[in-house]
Amino acid sequence: MTTSEALLEKAERYIRSAQILAEDGDFDSSASRLYYAMFYIAEALLEARGHSFSSHRAVISAFGQQFAKTQLLEPRFHQALLVAFSQRQLGDYTIDAGLGQEDIHRLISDARDFLAAGRNWLSQNDPGRTAS
């Protein structure tokens, strides 16, 4: 399994965890898991292109430059990553983030779509990918 594939597996686990947290009404923690899921997807895609970054902002920026601006993936995934980052910041660092079920359901949907698009892109473009 490549690093990119391992990151996508981790993202999938985080999406499942986020769903459980949301069902329990813990929207702040769910938003955090969903952000990290999307972050891992972006990292996986950048890794497949030979790039590694040391900060979250650098990953988000590079993903926007390399995948959204070039339309290698739909720009909406970069926007979803930015929204998830903002909501994670609120959830992690404020007492009452005001995140609700609707916010989290949108993030879950975006994360699932992003994961599917990431897997599809990797299956077509990652030369180091192992056969499943």
N, C-alpha and C. Protein backbone atom coordinates (compact mmCIF):
# COMPACT_ATOMS: atom_id res chain seq x y z
N MET A 1 0.86 -1.18 0.00
CA MET A 1 0.00 0.00 0.00
C MET A 1 0.90 1.24 0.00
N THR A 2 0.60 2.17 -0.87
CA THR A 2 1.37 3.41 -0.93
C THR A 2 0.95 4.34 0.21
N THR A 3 1.77 5.36 0.44
CA THR A 3 1.43 6.38 1.45
C THR A 3 0.11 7.04 1.10
N SER A 4 -0.09 7.32 -0.17
CA SER A 4 -1.35 7.96 -0.60
C SER A 4 -2.55 7.09 -0.28
N GLU A 5 -2.43 5.81 -0.55
CA GLU A 5 -3.54 4.89 -0.25
C GLU A 5 -3.78 4.81 1.25
N ALA A 6 -2.71 4.79 2.03
CA ALA A 6 -2.86 4.73 3.49
C ALA A 6 -3.55 6.00 4.02
N LEU A 7 -3.21 7.14 3.45
CA LEU A 7 -3.87 8.38 3.85
C LEU A 7 -5.36 8.36 3.50
N LEU A 8 -5.70 7.80 2.36
CA LEU A 8 -7.13 7.71 1.99
C LEU A 8 -7.88 6.75 2.91
N GLU A 9 -7.22 5.67 3.32
CA GLU A 9 -7.84 4.75 4.28
C GLU A 9 -8.10 5.45 5.60
N LYS A 10 -7.13 6.25 6.03
CA LYS A 10 -7.30 7.00 7.28
C LYS A 10 -8.44 8.00 7.14
N ALA A 11 -8.52 8.67 6.00
CA ALA A 11 -9.61 9.61 5.75
C ALA A 11 -10.96 8.92 5.84
N GLU A 12 -11.05 7.72 5.28
CA GLU A 12 -12.31 6.97 5.33
C GLU A 12 -12.69 6.66 6.78
N ARG A 13 -11.71 6.25 7.59
CA ARG A 13 -11.98 5.98 9.01
C ARG A 13 -12.46 7.25 9.72
N TYR A 14 -11.86 8.36 9.41
CA TYR A 14 -12.24 9.62 10.05
C TYR A 14 -13.66 10.04 9.65
N ILE A 15 -14.05 9.78 8.43
CA ILE A 15 -15.42 10.09 8.01
C ILE A 15 -16.41 9.23 8.81
N ARG A 16 -16.09 7.94 8.97
CA ARG A 16 -16.96 7.07 9.77
C ARG A 16 -17.03 7.57 11.22
N SER A 17 -15.89 7.95 11.78
CA SER A 17 -15.88 8.48 13.15
C SER A 17 -16.72 9.74 13.26
N ALA A 18 -16.62 10.60 12.27
CA ALA A 18 -17.39 11.85 12.26
C ALA A 18 -18.89 11.57 12.25
N GLN A 19 -19.29 10.55 11.51
CA GLN A 19 -20.71 10.19 11.47
C GLN A 19 -21.19 9.74 12.85
N ILE A 20 -20.40 8.94 13.53
CA ILE A 20 -20.76 8.47 14.88
C ILE A 20 -20.85 9.65 15.84
N LEU A 21 -19.88 10.55 15.77
CA LEU A 21 -19.90 11.73 16.64
C LEU A 21 -21.13 12.60 16.36
N ALA A 22 -21.47 12.76 15.09
CA ALA A 22 -22.64 13.57 14.72
C ALA A 22 -23.93 12.93 15.23
N GLU A 23 -24.01 11.60 15.11
CA GLU A 23 -25.20 10.90 15.60
C GLU A 23 -25.36 11.08 17.11
N ASP A 24 -24.24 11.28 17.80
CA ASP A 24 -24.25 11.50 19.24
C ASP A 24 -24.45 12.98 19.59
N GLY A 25 -24.57 13.82 18.57
CA GLY A 25 -24.79 15.25 18.79
C GLY A 25 -23.53 16.06 19.06
N ASP A 26 -22.37 15.45 18.89
CA ASP A 26 -21.10 16.14 19.11
C ASP A 26 -20.62 16.72 17.77
N PHE A 27 -21.24 17.84 17.38
CA PHE A 27 -20.96 18.42 16.07
C PHE A 27 -19.57 19.05 15.99
N ASP A 28 -19.09 19.61 17.10
CA ASP A 28 -17.74 20.19 17.09
C ASP A 28 -16.68 19.13 16.79
N SER A 29 -16.76 18.01 17.48
CA SER A 29 -15.78 16.94 17.26
C SER A 29 -15.95 16.32 15.88
N SER A 30 -17.17 16.23 15.42
CA SER A 30 -17.44 15.70 14.08
C SER A 30 -16.80 16.60 13.02
N ALA A 31 -16.94 17.91 13.19
CA ALA A 31 -16.34 18.85 12.24
C ALA A 31 -14.83 18.69 12.21
N SER A 32 -14.23 18.46 13.37
CA SER A 32 -12.79 18.26 13.44
C SER A 32 -12.37 17.02 12.65
N ARG A 33 -13.07 15.91 12.87
CA ARG A 33 -12.75 14.67 12.15
C ARG A 33 -12.93 14.85 10.64
N LEU A 34 -13.96 15.57 10.25
CA LEU A 34 -14.22 15.77 8.82
C LEU A 34 -13.15 16.64 8.18
N TYR A 35 -12.71 17.66 8.90
CA TYR A 35 -11.62 18.47 8.37
C TYR A 35 -10.38 17.59 8.16
N TYR A 36 -10.03 16.81 9.18
CA TYR A 36 -8.84 15.98 9.05
C TYR A 36 -9.00 14.95 7.94
N ALA A 37 -10.18 14.42 7.75
CA ALA A 37 -10.40 13.50 6.63
C ALA A 37 -10.07 14.18 5.31
N MET A 38 -10.60 15.39 5.13
CA MET A 38 -10.34 16.12 3.88
C MET A 38 -8.87 16.52 3.76
N PHE A 39 -8.27 16.88 4.88
CA PHE A 39 -6.85 17.21 4.89
C PHE A 39 -6.03 16.01 4.43
N TYR A 40 -6.34 14.81 4.93
CA TYR A 40 -5.61 13.61 4.53
C TYR A 40 -5.81 13.30 3.05
N ILE A 41 -7.00 13.56 2.53
CA ILE A 41 -7.24 13.35 1.10
C ILE A 41 -6.34 14.28 0.29
N ALA A 42 -6.32 15.56 0.67
CA ALA A 42 -5.46 16.52 -0.03
C ALA A 42 -3.99 16.10 0.07
N GLU A 43 -3.57 15.68 1.26
CA GLU A 43 -2.19 15.22 1.44
C GLU A 43 -1.89 14.02 0.54
N ALA A 44 -2.83 13.09 0.46
CA ALA A 44 -2.63 11.89 -0.37
C ALA A 44 -2.42 12.26 -1.83
N LEU A 45 -3.22 13.19 -2.31
CA LEU A 45 -3.12 13.59 -3.71
C LEU A 45 -1.80 14.31 -3.97
N LEU A 46 -1.41 15.19 -3.07
CA LEU A 46 -0.15 15.90 -3.23
C LEU A 46 1.03 14.94 -3.12
N GLU A 47 0.94 13.98 -2.21
CA GLU A 47 1.99 12.96 -2.05
C GLU A 47 2.17 12.17 -3.35
N ALA A 48 1.07 11.85 -3.99
CA ALA A 48 1.13 11.09 -5.24
C ALA A 48 1.84 11.88 -6.34
N ARG A 49 1.87 13.19 -6.19
CA ARG A 49 2.57 14.05 -7.16
C ARG A 49 3.98 14.40 -6.67
N GLY A 50 4.39 13.76 -5.56
CA GLY A 50 5.75 13.95 -5.07
C GLY A 50 5.94 15.15 -4.16
N HIS A 51 4.84 15.65 -3.57
CA HIS A 51 4.93 16.83 -2.71
C HIS A 51 4.57 16.50 -1.27
N SER A 52 5.28 17.14 -0.35
CA SER A 52 5.02 16.99 1.07
C SER A 52 5.19 18.36 1.72
N PHE A 53 4.31 18.69 2.64
CA PHE A 53 4.35 20.01 3.28
C PHE A 53 4.28 19.85 4.78
N SER A 54 4.81 20.86 5.49
CA SER A 54 4.90 20.74 6.95
C SER A 54 3.79 21.47 7.70
N SER A 55 2.92 22.19 6.98
CA SER A 55 1.85 22.89 7.68
C SER A 55 0.51 22.66 6.98
N HIS A 56 -0.53 22.81 7.76
CA HIS A 56 -1.88 22.65 7.20
C HIS A 56 -2.14 23.68 6.12
N ARG A 57 -1.79 24.92 6.40
CA ARG A 57 -2.03 25.99 5.41
C ARG A 57 -1.27 25.72 4.12
N ALA A 58 -0.07 25.18 4.21
CA ALA A 58 0.70 24.86 3.01
C ALA A 58 0.03 23.76 2.19
N VAL A 59 -0.50 22.75 2.86
CA VAL A 59 -1.22 21.67 2.17
C VAL A 59 -2.46 22.23 1.47
N ILE A 60 -3.22 23.03 2.20
CA ILE A 60 -4.45 23.60 1.64
C ILE A 60 -4.13 24.48 0.43
N SER A 61 -3.11 25.30 0.56
CA SER A 61 -2.72 26.19 -0.53
C SER A 61 -2.22 25.40 -1.74
N ALA A 62 -1.35 24.43 -1.50
CA ALA A 62 -0.81 23.62 -2.60
C ALA A 62 -1.92 22.83 -3.29
N PHE A 63 -2.86 22.30 -2.50
CA PHE A 63 -3.97 21.58 -3.12
C PHE A 63 -4.76 22.52 -4.04
N GLY A 64 -5.02 23.73 -3.55
CA GLY A 64 -5.74 24.71 -4.37
C GLY A 64 -5.01 25.02 -5.66
N GLN A 65 -3.68 25.21 -5.56
CA GLN A 65 -2.88 25.54 -6.73
C GLN A 65 -2.78 24.37 -7.72
N GLN A 66 -2.53 23.18 -7.17
CA GLN A 66 -2.23 22.05 -8.04
C GLN A 66 -3.46 21.27 -8.52
N PHE A 67 -4.54 21.33 -7.76
CA PHE A 67 -5.70 20.53 -8.14
C PHE A 67 -6.93 21.36 -8.50
N ALA A 68 -7.19 22.43 -7.75
CA ALA A 68 -8.39 23.23 -8.02
C ALA A 68 -8.16 24.17 -9.20
N LYS A 69 -7.09 24.96 -9.13
CA LYS A 69 -6.81 25.92 -10.21
C LYS A 69 -6.61 25.25 -11.55
N THR A 70 -5.99 24.08 -11.53
CA THR A 70 -5.72 23.35 -12.78
C THR A 70 -6.89 22.48 -13.20
N GLN A 71 -7.90 22.40 -12.34
CA GLN A 71 -9.10 21.60 -12.58
C GLN A 71 -8.79 20.10 -12.71
N LEU A 72 -7.69 19.66 -12.06
CA LEU A 72 -7.45 18.22 -12.00
C LEU A 72 -8.57 17.55 -11.19
N LEU A 73 -9.08 18.28 -10.20
CA LEU A 73 -10.28 17.90 -9.47
C LEU A 73 -11.18 19.12 -9.43
N GLU A 74 -12.45 18.90 -9.20
CA GLU A 74 -13.39 20.01 -9.14
C GLU A 74 -12.96 21.01 -8.07
N PRO A 75 -12.94 22.30 -8.39
CA PRO A 75 -12.57 23.32 -7.41
C PRO A 75 -13.44 23.30 -6.14
N ARG A 76 -14.62 22.72 -6.22
CA ARG A 76 -15.49 22.66 -5.04
C ARG A 76 -14.83 21.88 -3.89
N PHE A 77 -13.92 20.98 -4.20
CA PHE A 77 -13.25 20.22 -3.14
C PHE A 77 -12.29 21.11 -2.36
N HIS A 78 -11.65 22.05 -3.04
CA HIS A 78 -10.80 23.01 -2.34
C HIS A 78 -11.66 23.90 -1.46
N GLN A 79 -12.78 24.34 -1.98
CA GLN A 79 -13.70 25.17 -1.19
C GLN A 79 -14.20 24.40 0.03
N ALA A 80 -14.55 23.13 -0.16
CA ALA A 80 -15.02 22.30 0.97
C ALA A 80 -13.92 22.16 2.02
N LEU A 81 -12.68 22.00 1.58
CA LEU A 81 -11.55 21.90 2.51
C LEU A 81 -11.39 23.19 3.31
N LEU A 82 -11.55 24.32 2.65
CA LEU A 82 -11.46 25.62 3.34
C LEU A 82 -12.59 25.78 4.36
N VAL A 83 -13.80 25.40 3.98
CA VAL A 83 -14.94 25.48 4.90
C VAL A 83 -14.70 24.55 6.09
N ALA A 84 -14.25 23.33 5.82
CA ALA A 84 -14.00 22.37 6.90
C ALA A 84 -12.92 22.89 7.85
N PHE A 85 -11.87 23.52 7.30
CA PHE A 85 -10.82 24.09 8.14
C PHE A 85 -11.40 25.15 9.07
N SER A 86 -12.22 26.02 8.51
CA SER A 86 -12.84 27.09 9.29
C SER A 86 -13.76 26.53 10.38
N GLN A 87 -14.56 25.53 10.03
CA GLN A 87 -15.47 24.94 11.00
C GLN A 87 -14.73 24.15 12.07
N ARG A 88 -13.63 23.52 11.69
CA ARG A 88 -12.82 22.82 12.69
C ARG A 88 -12.23 23.82 13.67
N GLN A 89 -11.75 24.95 13.17
CA GLN A 89 -11.20 26.00 14.04
C GLN A 89 -12.26 26.44 15.05
N LEU A 90 -13.47 26.68 14.56
CA LEU A 90 -14.57 27.07 15.46
C LEU A 90 -14.84 25.99 16.49
N GLY A 91 -14.98 24.76 16.02
CA GLY A 91 -15.31 23.65 16.91
C GLY A 91 -14.24 23.37 17.94
N ASP A 92 -12.99 23.51 17.55
CA ASP A 92 -11.89 23.20 18.47
C ASP A 92 -11.55 24.33 19.42
N TYR A 93 -11.78 25.57 19.00
CA TYR A 93 -11.25 26.69 19.78
C TYR A 93 -12.29 27.66 20.34
N THR A 94 -13.56 27.36 20.16
CA THR A 94 -14.58 28.20 20.78
C THR A 94 -15.45 27.33 21.70
N ILE A 95 -16.07 27.97 22.65
CA ILE A 95 -16.91 27.22 23.59
C ILE A 95 -18.19 26.76 22.91
N ASP A 96 -18.82 27.65 22.15
CA ASP A 96 -20.04 27.28 21.43
C ASP A 96 -19.87 27.68 19.98
N ALA A 97 -19.46 26.72 19.16
CA ALA A 97 -19.19 27.00 17.75
C ALA A 97 -20.46 27.27 16.96
N GLY A 98 -21.59 26.81 17.46
CA GLY A 98 -22.84 27.01 16.75
C GLY A 98 -23.01 26.10 15.55
N LEU A 99 -22.20 25.07 15.47
CA LEU A 99 -22.33 24.12 14.36
C LEU A 99 -23.54 23.23 14.61
N GLY A 100 -24.28 22.98 13.57
CA GLY A 100 -25.47 22.16 13.71
C GLY A 100 -25.45 20.96 12.79
N GLN A 101 -26.51 20.21 12.87
CA GLN A 101 -26.64 18.98 12.09
C GLN A 101 -26.53 19.25 10.59
N GLU A 102 -27.13 20.34 10.13
CA GLU A 102 -27.09 20.67 8.71
C GLU A 102 -25.66 20.93 8.25
N ASP A 103 -24.89 21.68 9.07
CA ASP A 103 -23.48 21.95 8.73
C ASP A 103 -22.70 20.65 8.59
N ILE A 104 -22.91 19.75 9.53
CA ILE A 104 -22.16 18.50 9.55
C ILE A 104 -22.59 17.58 8.41
N HIS A 105 -23.86 17.53 8.12
CA HIS A 105 -24.32 16.68 7.01
C HIS A 105 -23.72 17.16 5.69
N ARG A 106 -23.61 18.48 5.52
CA ARG A 106 -22.99 19.03 4.32
C ARG A 106 -21.51 18.63 4.27
N LEU A 107 -20.83 18.75 5.41
CA LEU A 107 -19.41 18.36 5.45
C LEU A 107 -19.22 16.87 5.18
N ILE A 108 -20.10 16.05 5.74
CA ILE A 108 -20.01 14.59 5.50
C ILE A 108 -20.17 14.30 4.01
N SER A 109 -21.15 14.92 3.39
CA SER A 109 -21.38 14.73 1.96
C SER A 109 -20.17 15.18 1.16
N ASP A 110 -19.64 16.36 1.49
CA ASP A 110 -18.45 16.86 0.79
C ASP A 110 -17.26 15.93 0.98
N ALA A 111 -17.06 15.44 2.21
CA ALA A 111 -15.92 14.56 2.49
C ALA A 111 -16.05 13.25 1.71
N ARG A 112 -17.25 12.69 1.67
CA ARG A 112 -17.46 11.44 0.91
C ARG A 112 -17.18 11.65 -0.57
N ASP A 113 -17.69 12.76 -1.13
CA ASP A 113 -17.46 13.06 -2.54
C ASP A 113 -15.97 13.28 -2.82
N PHE A 114 -15.30 13.99 -1.92
CA PHE A 114 -13.88 14.27 -2.06
C PHE A 114 -13.08 12.97 -2.01
N LEU A 115 -13.44 12.07 -1.10
CA LEU A 115 -12.77 10.78 -1.00
C LEU A 115 -12.93 9.98 -2.29
N ALA A 116 -14.14 9.94 -2.82
CA ALA A 116 -14.39 9.21 -4.07
C ALA A 116 -13.59 9.82 -5.22
N ALA A 117 -13.58 11.13 -5.30
CA ALA A 117 -12.83 11.81 -6.37
C ALA A 117 -11.33 11.57 -6.20
N GLY A 118 -10.87 11.60 -4.96
CA GLY A 118 -9.45 11.35 -4.70
C GLY A 118 -9.05 9.94 -5.08
N ARG A 119 -9.87 8.99 -4.71
CA ARG A 119 -9.58 7.58 -5.09
C ARG A 119 -9.57 7.41 -6.60
N ASN A 120 -10.52 8.03 -7.25
CA ASN A 120 -10.61 7.93 -8.71
C ASN A 120 -9.37 8.55 -9.35
N TRP A 121 -8.98 9.74 -8.89
CA TRP A 121 -7.80 10.39 -9.45
C TRP A 121 -6.56 9.53 -9.24
N LEU A 122 -6.40 9.00 -8.03
CA LEU A 122 -5.23 8.17 -7.74
C LEU A 122 -5.21 6.91 -8.59
N SER A 123 -6.36 6.31 -8.80
CA SER A 123 -6.40 5.07 -9.59
C SER A 123 -5.95 5.31 -11.02
N GLN A 124 -6.10 6.54 -11.48
CA GLN A 124 -5.73 6.87 -12.85
C GLN A 124 -4.36 7.53 -12.98
N ASN A 125 -3.83 8.06 -11.86
CA ASN A 125 -2.64 8.91 -11.98
C ASN A 125 -1.47 8.57 -11.07
N ASP A 126 -1.61 7.68 -10.10
CA ASP A 126 -0.53 7.42 -9.18
C ASP A 126 0.32 6.25 -9.70
N PRO A 127 1.51 6.55 -10.21
CA PRO A 127 2.35 5.49 -10.77
C PRO A 127 2.84 4.49 -9.72
N GLY A 128 2.87 4.89 -8.45
CA GLY A 128 3.36 4.00 -7.40
C GLY A 128 2.25 3.15 -6.78
N ARG A 129 1.04 3.28 -7.29
CA ARG A 129 -0.12 2.59 -6.71
C ARG A 129 0.02 1.08 -6.94
N THR A 130 -0.29 0.33 -5.91
CA THR A 130 -0.25 -1.12 -6.02
C THR A 130 -1.60 -1.62 -6.50
N ALA A 131 -1.60 -2.71 -7.19
CA ALA A 131 -2.86 -3.30 -7.65
C ALA A 131 -3.62 -3.87 -6.46
N SER A 132 -4.92 -3.68 -6.46
CA SER A 132 -5.75 -4.19 -5.35
C SER A 132 -6.35 -5.52 -5.70
